[in-house]
C-alpha atoms as a PDB file:
ATOM      1  CA  MET A   1      13.456  -8.227  -6.942  1.00  0.00           C
ATOM      2  CA  ARG A   2      15.241  -5.153  -5.658  1.00  0.00           C
ATOM      3  CA  LEU A   3      15.195  -3.733  -2.156  1.00  0.00           C
ATOM      4  CA  ILE A   4      15.290  -0.008  -1.583  1.00  0.00           C
ATOM      5  CA  HIS A   5      18.772   1.394  -0.959  1.00  0.00           C
ATOM      6  CA  PRO A   6      19.844   4.714   0.582  1.00  0.00           C
ATOM      7  CA  LEU A   7      20.000   6.898  -2.507  1.00  0.00           C
ATOM      8  CA  ILE A   8      19.285  10.523  -1.762  1.00  0.00           C
ATOM      9  CA  LEU A   9      16.169  11.667  -3.551  1.00  0.00           C
ATOM     10  CA  MET A  10      16.593  15.265  -4.668  1.00  0.00           C
ATOM     11  CA  LEU A  11      13.037  16.450  -4.127  1.00  0.00           C
ATOM     12  CA  THR A  12      11.867  19.882  -3.039  1.00  0.00           C
ATOM     13  CA  LEU A  13       9.333  20.104  -0.220  1.00  0.00           C
ATOM     14  CA  LEU A  14       7.081  23.127  -0.539  1.00  0.00           C
ATOM     15  CA  LEU A  15       4.305  24.341   1.732  1.00  0.00           C
ATOM     16  CA  ALA A  16       1.267  24.791  -0.453  1.00  0.00           C
ATOM     17  CA  THR A  17      -2.486  24.714  -0.601  1.00  0.00           C
ATOM     18  CA  PRO A  18      -3.066  22.054  -3.245  1.00  0.00           C
ATOM     19  CA  ALA A  19      -6.003  22.132  -5.602  1.00  0.00           C
ATOM     20  CA  LEU A  20      -6.859  18.449  -5.821  1.00  0.00           C
ATOM     21  CA  ALA A  21      -7.800  17.226  -9.274  1.00  0.00           C
ATOM     22  CA  GLN A  22      -9.691  14.137  -8.137  1.00  0.00           C
ATOM     23  CA  HIS A  23     -10.788  14.737  -4.555  1.00  0.00           C
ATOM     24  CA  ASP A  24     -12.258  17.782  -2.866  1.00  0.00           C
ATOM     25  CA  CYS A  25     -10.272  18.539   0.256  1.00  0.00           C
ATOM     26  CA  CYS A  26     -12.197  21.720   1.032  1.00  0.00           C
ATOM     27  CA  GLY A  27      -9.333  23.824  -0.302  1.00  0.00           C
ATOM     28  CA  LYS A  28      -7.917  24.119   3.219  1.00  0.00           C
ATOM     29  CA  CYS A  29      -5.130  21.544   3.219  1.00  0.00           C
ATOM     30  CA  ASP A  30      -1.743  22.987   4.139  1.00  0.00           C
ATOM     31  CA  SER A  31       0.052  19.932   2.777  1.00  0.00           C
ATOM     32  CA  ALA A  32       3.736  19.672   2.089  1.00  0.00           C
ATOM     33  CA  THR A  33       3.940  18.674  -1.540  1.00  0.00           C
ATOM     34  CA  VAL A  34       6.809  16.983  -3.325  1.00  0.00           C
ATOM     35  CA  THR A  35       7.817  18.763  -6.512  1.00  0.00           C
ATOM     36  CA  LEU A  36       9.313  16.606  -9.245  1.00  0.00           C
ATOM     37  CA  THR A  37      11.145  17.743 -12.333  1.00  0.00           C
ATOM     38  CA  PRO A  38       9.318  17.506 -15.686  1.00  0.00           C
ATOM     39  CA  LYS A  39      11.616  14.623 -16.622  1.00  0.00           C
ATOM     40  CA  GLN A  40      10.702  12.712 -13.469  1.00  0.00           C
ATOM     41  CA  VAL A  41       6.993  13.260 -14.090  1.00  0.00           C
ATOM     42  CA  ARG A  42       7.390  11.861 -17.619  1.00  0.00           C
ATOM     43  CA  GLN A  43       9.285   8.896 -16.208  1.00  0.00           C
ATOM     44  CA  LEU A  44       6.352   8.044 -13.946  1.00  0.00           C
ATOM     45  CA  LYS A  45       3.640   8.301 -16.631  1.00  0.00           C
ATOM     46  CA  LYS A  46       3.910   4.612 -17.445  1.00  0.00           C
ATOM     47  CA  TYR A  47       2.418   3.876 -14.009  1.00  0.00           C
ATOM     48  CA  SER A  48      -0.880   5.687 -14.589  1.00  0.00           C
ATOM     49  CA  PRO A  49      -3.425   4.805 -13.400  1.00  0.00           C
ATOM     50  CA  PHE A  50      -2.475   3.155 -10.112  1.00  0.00           C
ATOM     51  CA  SER A  51      -4.515   1.121  -7.643  1.00  0.00           C
ATOM     52  CA  ILE A  52      -3.970   0.201  -4.016  1.00  0.00           C
ATOM     53  CA  LEU A  53      -4.629  -3.075  -2.242  1.00  0.00           C
ATOM     54  CA  GLY A  54      -4.251  -2.021   1.363  1.00  0.00           C
ATOM     55  CA  ASP A  55      -5.294  -1.991   4.986  1.00  0.00           C
ATOM     56  CA  SER A  56      -5.973   0.818   7.478  1.00  0.00           C
ATOM     57  CA  TYR A  57      -2.784   2.695   6.519  1.00  0.00           C
ATOM     58  CA  SER A  58      -4.371   3.468   3.137  1.00  0.00           C
ATOM     59  CA  THR A  59      -7.943   4.218   4.199  1.00  0.00           C
ATOM     60  CA  PHE A  60      -9.807   7.491   4.566  1.00  0.00           C
ATOM     61  CA  LYS A  61     -13.546   7.623   5.136  1.00  0.00           C
ATOM     62  CA  GLY A  62     -15.372   8.080   1.858  1.00  0.00           C
ATOM     63  CA  TYR A  63     -12.291   7.520  -0.317  1.00  0.00           C
ATOM     64  CA  THR A  64     -12.066   3.756  -0.750  1.00  0.00           C
ATOM     65  CA  THR A  65     -13.645   1.489  -3.334  1.00  0.00           C
ATOM     66  CA  PRO A  66     -15.866  -0.120  -2.177  1.00  0.00           C
ATOM     67  CA  VAL A  67     -16.820   2.923  -0.116  1.00  0.00           C
ATOM     68  CA  ASP A  68     -18.262   0.778   2.696  1.00  0.00           C
ATOM     69  CA  ASN A  69     -14.910  -0.856   3.467  1.00  0.00           C
ATOM     70  CA  ALA A  70     -13.965  -0.478   7.140  1.00  0.00           C
ATOM     71  CA  GLN A  71     -12.040   2.777   7.675  1.00  0.00           C
ATOM     72  CA  TRP A  72      -9.439   3.985  10.181  1.00  0.00           C
ATOM     73  CA  TYR A  73      -8.665   7.541   9.063  1.00  0.00           C
ATOM     74  CA  PRO A  74      -9.584  10.093  10.262  1.00  0.00           C
ATOM     75  CA  HIS A  75      -8.980   8.869  13.805  1.00  0.00           C
ATOM     76  CA  LYS A  76      -8.786  10.642  17.156  1.00  0.00           C
ATOM     77  CA  GLY A  77      -5.185  10.956  18.302  1.00  0.00           C
ATOM     78  CA  ASN A  78      -3.717  10.933  14.805  1.00  0.00           C
ATOM     79  CA  ASP A  79      -2.956  14.201  12.991  1.00  0.00           C
ATOM     80  CA  VAL A  80      -3.982  12.936   9.548  1.00  0.00           C
ATOM     81  CA  THR A  81      -7.354  14.648   9.374  1.00  0.00           C
ATOM     82  CA  LYS A  82      -7.815  15.256   5.637  1.00  0.00           C
ATOM     83  CA  PRO A  83      -7.506  12.957   2.611  1.00  0.00           C
ATOM     84  CA  CYS A  84      -4.862  15.227   1.096  1.00  0.00           C
ATOM     85  CA  GLN A  85      -2.596  14.269   4.015  1.00  0.00           C
ATOM     86  CA  THR A  86      -2.606  10.555   3.172  1.00  0.00           C
ATOM     87  CA  TRP A  87       0.427   8.978   1.516  1.00  0.00           C
ATOM     88  CA  TRP A  88      -1.561   8.022  -1.575  1.00  0.00           C
ATOM     89  CA  GLU A  89      -2.983  11.485  -2.162  1.00  0.00           C
ATOM     90  CA  LEU A  90       0.435  13.077  -1.623  1.00  0.00           C
ATOM     91  CA  PHE A  91       1.822  10.542  -4.103  1.00  0.00           C
ATOM     92  CA  ARG A  92      -0.952  11.172  -6.627  1.00  0.00           C
ATOM     93  CA  LYS A  93      -0.475  14.920  -6.498  1.00  0.00           C
ATOM     94  CA  ALA A  94       3.326  14.777  -6.718  1.00  0.00           C
ATOM     95  CA  SER A  95       3.446  12.208  -9.529  1.00  0.00           C
ATOM     96  CA  GLY A  96       0.489  13.439 -11.569  1.00  0.00           C
ATOM     97  CA  LEU A  97      -0.768   9.850 -11.814  1.00  0.00           C
ATOM     98  CA  LYS A  98      -4.445   9.015 -11.781  1.00  0.00           C
ATOM     99  CA  LEU A  99      -5.785   6.902  -8.925  1.00  0.00           C
ATOM    100  CA  ASP A 100      -7.945   4.143 -10.368  1.00  0.00           C
ATOM    101  CA  ARG A 101      -9.084   2.304  -7.251  1.00  0.00           C
ATOM    102  CA  ASN A 102      -8.138   2.335  -3.580  1.00  0.00           C
ATOM    103  CA  ASN A 103      -9.381  -0.994  -2.254  1.00  0.00           C
ATOM    104  CA  SER A 104      -8.140  -0.632   1.311  1.00  0.00           C
ATOM    105  CA  TYR A 105      -9.856  -2.099   4.341  1.00  0.00           C
ATOM    106  CA  SER A 106      -9.049  -1.299   7.958  1.00  0.00           C
ATOM    107  CA  GLY A 107      -8.074  -4.321  10.018  1.00  0.00           C
ATOM    108  CA  ALA A 108      -7.732  -6.548   6.971  1.00  0.00           C
ATOM    109  CA  THR A 109      -5.301  -9.438   7.026  1.00  0.00           C
ATOM    110  CA  VAL A 110      -3.748 -10.943   3.925  1.00  0.00           C
ATOM    111  CA  CYS A 111      -5.024 -14.348   4.999  1.00  0.00           C
ATOM    112  CA  TYR A 112      -8.445 -15.358   6.304  1.00  0.00           C
ATOM    113  CA  THR A 113      -7.432 -15.495   9.983  1.00  0.00           C
ATOM    114  CA  SER A 114      -7.930 -12.149  11.677  1.00  0.00           C
ATOM    115  CA  TYR A 115      -7.868 -10.918  15.279  1.00  0.00           C
ATOM    116  CA  ASN A 116      -8.919 -13.369  18.008  1.00  0.00           C
ATOM    117  CA  LYS A 117      -8.652 -16.129  15.390  1.00  0.00           C
ATOM    118  CA  ALA A 118     -11.835 -14.910  13.671  1.00  0.00           C
ATOM    119  CA  ILE A 119     -12.165 -16.020  10.057  1.00  0.00           C
ATOM    120  CA  LYS A 120     -12.677 -12.948   7.846  1.00  0.00           C
ATOM    121  CA  ILE A 121     -12.878 -14.019   4.218  1.00  0.00           C
ATOM    122  CA  SER A 122     -14.490 -11.027   2.494  1.00  0.00           C
ATOM    123  CA  SER A 123     -11.980  -8.461   3.806  1.00  0.00           C
ATOM    124  CA  ALA A 124      -8.841 -10.552   3.253  1.00  0.00           C
ATOM    125  CA  PHE A 125      -6.307  -9.311   0.707  1.00  0.00           C
ATOM    126  CA  VAL A 126      -6.495 -12.621  -1.132  1.00  0.00           C
ATOM    127  CA  THR A 127     -10.242 -12.053  -1.635  1.00  0.00           C
ATOM    128  CA  ARG A 128     -10.002  -8.391  -2.683  1.00  0.00           C
ATOM    129  CA  ALA A 129      -7.057  -8.845  -5.061  1.00  0.00           C
ATOM    130  CA  THR A 130      -9.245  -9.071  -8.166  1.00  0.00           C
ATOM    131  CA  ASN A 131     -11.198  -5.863  -7.469  1.00  0.00           C
ATOM    132  CA  LEU A 132      -8.688  -3.183  -8.439  1.00  0.00           C
ATOM    133  CA  GLY A 133     -10.044  -1.771 -11.695  1.00  0.00           C
ATOM    134  CA  SER A 134      -7.660  -1.480 -14.648  1.00  0.00           C
ATOM    135  CA  PRO A 135      -4.371  -0.308 -13.156  1.00  0.00           C
ATOM    136  CA  ARG A 136      -0.915  -0.053 -14.668  1.00  0.00           C
ATOM    137  CA  LEU A 137       0.621   0.084 -11.178  1.00  0.00           C
ATOM    138  CA  ILE A 138      -0.575  -1.903  -8.169  1.00  0.00           C
ATOM    139  CA  ILE A 139       0.716  -1.005  -4.725  1.00  0.00           C
ATOM    140  CA  VAL A 140       0.195  -3.803  -2.207  1.00  0.00           C
ATOM    141  CA  GLU A 141       0.326  -2.457   1.342  1.00  0.00           C
ATOM    142  CA  GLY A 142      -0.322  -5.416   3.599  1.00  0.00           C
ATOM    143  CA  GLY A 143       0.891  -7.800   6.265  1.00  0.00           C
ATOM    144  CA  THR A 144       0.576  -5.425   9.206  1.00  0.00           C
ATOM    145  CA  ASN A 145      -2.593  -6.956  10.601  1.00  0.00           C
ATOM    146  CA  ASP A 146      -1.336 -10.504  10.063  1.00  0.00           C
ATOM    147  CA  SER A 147       1.652  -9.508  12.209  1.00  0.00           C
ATOM    148  CA  TRP A 148      -0.402  -7.749  14.887  1.00  0.00           C
ATOM    149  CA  ALA A 149      -3.171 -10.377  15.003  1.00  0.00           C
ATOM    150  CA  GLY A 150      -0.758 -13.291  15.245  1.00  0.00           C
ATOM    151  CA  SER A 151      -2.249 -14.960  12.170  1.00  0.00           C
ATOM    152  CA  PRO A 152      -0.793 -18.438  11.487  1.00  0.00           C
ATOM    153  CA  ILE A 153       2.318 -18.179   9.330  1.00  0.00           C
ATOM    154  CA  GLY A 154       1.821 -21.509   7.527  1.00  0.00           C
ATOM    155  CA  GLU A 155       4.077 -23.109   4.923  1.00  0.00           C
ATOM    156  CA  TYR A 156       5.075 -21.844   1.514  1.00  0.00           C
ATOM    157  CA  LYS A 157       2.703 -23.144  -1.123  1.00  0.00           C
ATOM    158  CA  TRP A 158       2.702 -22.012  -4.747  1.00  0.00           C
ATOM    159  CA  GLN A 159      -0.401 -23.652  -6.236  1.00  0.00           C
ATOM    160  CA  ASP A 160      -3.580 -25.623  -5.539  1.00  0.00           C
ATOM    161  CA  TRP A 161      -4.511 -23.571  -2.482  1.00  0.00           C
ATOM    162  CA  THR A 162      -7.372 -24.805  -0.306  1.00  0.00           C
ATOM    163  CA  GLU A 163      -9.546 -22.679   1.971  1.00  0.00           C
ATOM    164  CA  GLN A 164      -7.661 -24.144   4.908  1.00  0.00           C
ATOM    165  CA  ASP A 165      -4.357 -23.083   3.331  1.00  0.00           C
ATOM    166  CA  LEU A 166      -5.621 -19.525   2.983  1.00  0.00           C
ATOM    167  CA  ARG A 167      -6.131 -19.245   6.719  1.00  0.00           C
ATOM    168  CA  SER A 168      -2.343 -18.866   6.995  1.00  0.00           C
ATOM    169  CA  PHE A 169      -0.189 -15.972   5.872  1.00  0.00           C
ATOM    170  CA  ARG A 170       2.360 -17.591   3.543  1.00  0.00           C
ATOM    171  CA  PRO A 171      -0.047 -19.442   1.242  1.00  0.00           C
ATOM    172  CA  ALA A 172      -2.483 -16.504   1.246  1.00  0.00           C
ATOM    173  CA  ALA A 173       0.247 -13.997   0.376  1.00  0.00           C
ATOM    174  CA  ALA A 174       1.462 -16.302  -2.370  1.00  0.00           C
ATOM    175  CA  LYS A 175      -2.017 -16.638  -3.860  1.00  0.00           C
ATOM    176  CA  THR A 176      -2.559 -12.877  -3.593  1.00  0.00           C
ATOM    177  CA  LEU A 177       0.508 -12.122  -5.715  1.00  0.00           C
ATOM    178  CA  TRP A 178      -0.359 -14.955  -8.105  1.00  0.00           C
ATOM    179  CA  LEU A 179      -3.870 -13.540  -8.547  1.00  0.00           C
ATOM    180  CA  LEU A 180      -2.512 -10.052  -9.189  1.00  0.00           C
ATOM    181  CA  LYS A 181      -0.157 -11.374 -11.869  1.00  0.00           C
ATOM    182  CA  GLN A 182      -2.900 -13.429 -13.481  1.00  0.00           C
ATOM    183  CA  THR A 183      -5.598 -10.734 -13.330  1.00  0.00           C
ATOM    184  CA  TYR A 184      -3.413  -7.756 -14.297  1.00  0.00           C
ATOM    185  CA  PRO A 185      -0.657  -9.205 -16.516  1.00  0.00           C
ATOM    186  CA  LYS A 186       0.425  -5.793 -17.851  1.00  0.00           C
ATOM    187  CA  ALA A 187       0.511  -4.019 -14.501  1.00  0.00           C
ATOM    188  CA  HIS A 188       3.619  -3.201 -12.495  1.00  0.00           C
ATOM    189  CA  ILE A 189       3.275  -4.557  -8.955  1.00  0.00           C
ATOM    190  CA  VAL A 190       5.127  -3.206  -5.932  1.00  0.00           C
ATOM    191  CA  TYR A 191       4.791  -4.726  -2.477  1.00  0.00           C
ATOM    192  CA  MET A 192       5.176  -1.959   0.112  1.00  0.00           C
ATOM    193  CA  LEU A 193       6.087  -3.612   3.423  1.00  0.00           C
ATOM    194  CA  ASN A 194       5.482  -1.793   6.693  1.00  0.00           C
ATOM    195  CA  SER A 195       8.231  -1.320   9.265  1.00  0.00           C
ATOM    196  CA  GLN A 196       8.272  -2.865  12.753  1.00  0.00           C
ATOM    197  CA  LEU A 197       6.551  -6.120  11.840  1.00  0.00           C
ATOM    198  CA  LYS A 198       7.388  -9.613  13.070  1.00  0.00           C
ATOM    199  CA  GLU A 199      10.468 -11.057  11.403  1.00  0.00           C
ATOM    200  CA  GLU A 200       8.534 -14.121  10.226  1.00  0.00           C
ATOM    201  CA  ILE A 201       6.217 -11.800   8.272  1.00  0.00           C
ATOM    202  CA  ASN A 202       9.136  -9.794   6.855  1.00  0.00           C
ATOM    203  CA  SER A 203      11.130 -12.831   5.756  1.00  0.00           C
ATOM    204  CA  SER A 204       8.028 -14.479   4.293  1.00  0.00           C
ATOM    205  CA  VAL A 205       7.211 -11.411   2.184  1.00  0.00           C
ATOM    206  CA  VAL A 206      10.806 -11.314   0.949  1.00  0.00           C
ATOM    207  CA  GLU A 207      10.654 -14.956  -0.131  1.00  0.00           C
ATOM    208  CA  ILE A 208       7.189 -14.713  -1.733  1.00  0.00           C
ATOM    209  CA  CYS A 209       8.109 -11.547  -3.639  1.00  0.00           C
ATOM    210  CA  ARG A 210      11.278 -13.257  -4.819  1.00  0.00           C
ATOM    211  CA  HIS A 211       9.315 -16.288  -6.014  1.00  0.00           C
ATOM    212  CA  TYR A 212       6.874 -14.181  -8.061  1.00  0.00           C
ATOM    213  CA  ASP A 213       9.471 -11.607  -9.119  1.00  0.00           C
ATOM    214  CA  VAL A 214       7.528  -8.793  -7.451  1.00  0.00           C
ATOM    215  CA  PRO A 215       9.603  -5.754  -6.431  1.00  0.00           C
ATOM    216  CA  LEU A 216       9.651  -5.098  -2.703  1.00  0.00           C
ATOM    217  CA  LEU A 217       9.843  -1.700  -1.026  1.00  0.00           C
ATOM    218  CA  ARG A 218      10.630  -1.968   2.675  1.00  0.00           C
ATOM    219  CA  LEU A 219       9.466   1.147   4.472  1.00  0.00           C
ATOM    220  CA  HIS A 220      11.649   2.596   7.204  1.00  0.00           C
ATOM    221  CA  ASP A 221      11.613   5.455   9.708  1.00  0.00           C
ATOM    222  CA  ILE A 222       7.852   5.985   9.470  1.00  0.00           C
ATOM    223  CA  ASP A 223       6.546   8.213  12.257  1.00  0.00           C
ATOM    224  CA  LYS A 224       3.383   6.743  13.776  1.00  0.00           C
ATOM    225  CA  GLN A 225       0.623   7.735  16.148  1.00  0.00           C
ATOM    226  CA  GLN A 226      -1.451   4.905  17.641  1.00  0.00           C
ATOM    227  CA  GLY A 227       0.454   2.487  15.426  1.00  0.00           C
ATOM    228  CA  HIS A 228      -0.551   4.314  12.228  1.00  0.00           C
ATOM    229  CA  PRO A 229       1.360   6.812  10.093  1.00  0.00           C
ATOM    230  CA  SER A 230       1.143  10.388  11.284  1.00  0.00           C
ATOM    231  CA  TYR A 231       1.203  13.199   8.756  1.00  0.00           C
ATOM    232  CA  ASP A 232       5.023  13.102   8.902  1.00  0.00           C
ATOM    233  CA  GLY A 233       4.832   9.349   8.393  1.00  0.00           C
ATOM    234  CA  MET A 234       2.551   9.750   5.384  1.00  0.00           C
ATOM    235  CA  GLN A 235       5.010  12.172   3.807  1.00  0.00           C
ATOM    236  CA  ALA A 236       7.844   9.702   4.425  1.00  0.00           C
ATOM    237  CA  ILE A 237       5.889   6.901   2.728  1.00  0.00           C
ATOM    238  CA  CYS A 238       5.209   9.127  -0.269  1.00  0.00           C
ATOM    239  CA  GLN A 239       8.854  10.122  -0.578  1.00  0.00           C
ATOM    240  CA  GLN A 240      10.146   6.549  -0.209  1.00  0.00           C
ATOM    241  CA  LEU A 241       7.693   5.300  -2.826  1.00  0.00           C
ATOM    242  CA  LEU A 242       8.677   8.049  -5.269  1.00  0.00           C
ATOM    243  CA  GLN A 243      12.356   7.359  -4.697  1.00  0.00           C
ATOM    244  CA  TYR A 244      11.766   3.672  -5.293  1.00  0.00           C
ATOM    245  CA  LEU A 245       9.877   4.134  -8.544  1.00  0.00           C
ATOM    246  CA  LEU A 246      12.265   6.761  -9.895  1.00  0.00           C
ATOM    247  CA  PHE A 247      15.584   5.215  -8.943  1.00  0.00           C
ATOM    248  CA  ASP A 248      15.280   1.618  -7.709  1.00  0.00           C
ATOM    249  CA  HIS A 249      12.406  -0.053  -9.516  1.00  0.00           C
ATOM    250  CA  ARG A 250      13.407  -1.799 -12.715  1.00  0.00           C
END
């Protein structure tokens, strides 16, 4: 497992009106796009198509699979108002990779225990982990709601998980990564960890990724509005992910 380090990514930011290949953004999106060199685009081809297992940070109404997953974006008070301003659409456009499935669900915890100690099985990451299509790259963007909701941290457990075990973060995160490895044995998996989470969540993700040999990208300096990435924050996520895949990911 490798953590992101402060290499300078030589990318050019251009103001453009992107013509989206997969999603119609009304042709009115003044998005800053990241321009890669032809060599960098070729380097990333092995990751196509990619899928996302995420929470509200990766939602946009009408753009998740299943489409009736709970959504957060667009949201009043946050300047991400179009799908082409999300980190995943910026990433797709810059990399040229195809998006297979975005199974993101607003408010979802990795484990079964959600806000106010409610048990939410169907939306949990550990439940949705086998519904990602046929990806060659899986980006796991989770743990934020477990941190915010105060979900039980639990003990590390690497096999024979019970339903009771999966009500806690550590065993549920472990089973999630195990399921991804078992279900998609040829896929590259990257765990993209949000900034500003509880240390017990951070350290647990580090240990679980180490155990399953899953590369970990720790996001940093992400601008947020109402606790969620702003448009600047979305661009930062895109750039950090590209830097990681191009320079840090084995």
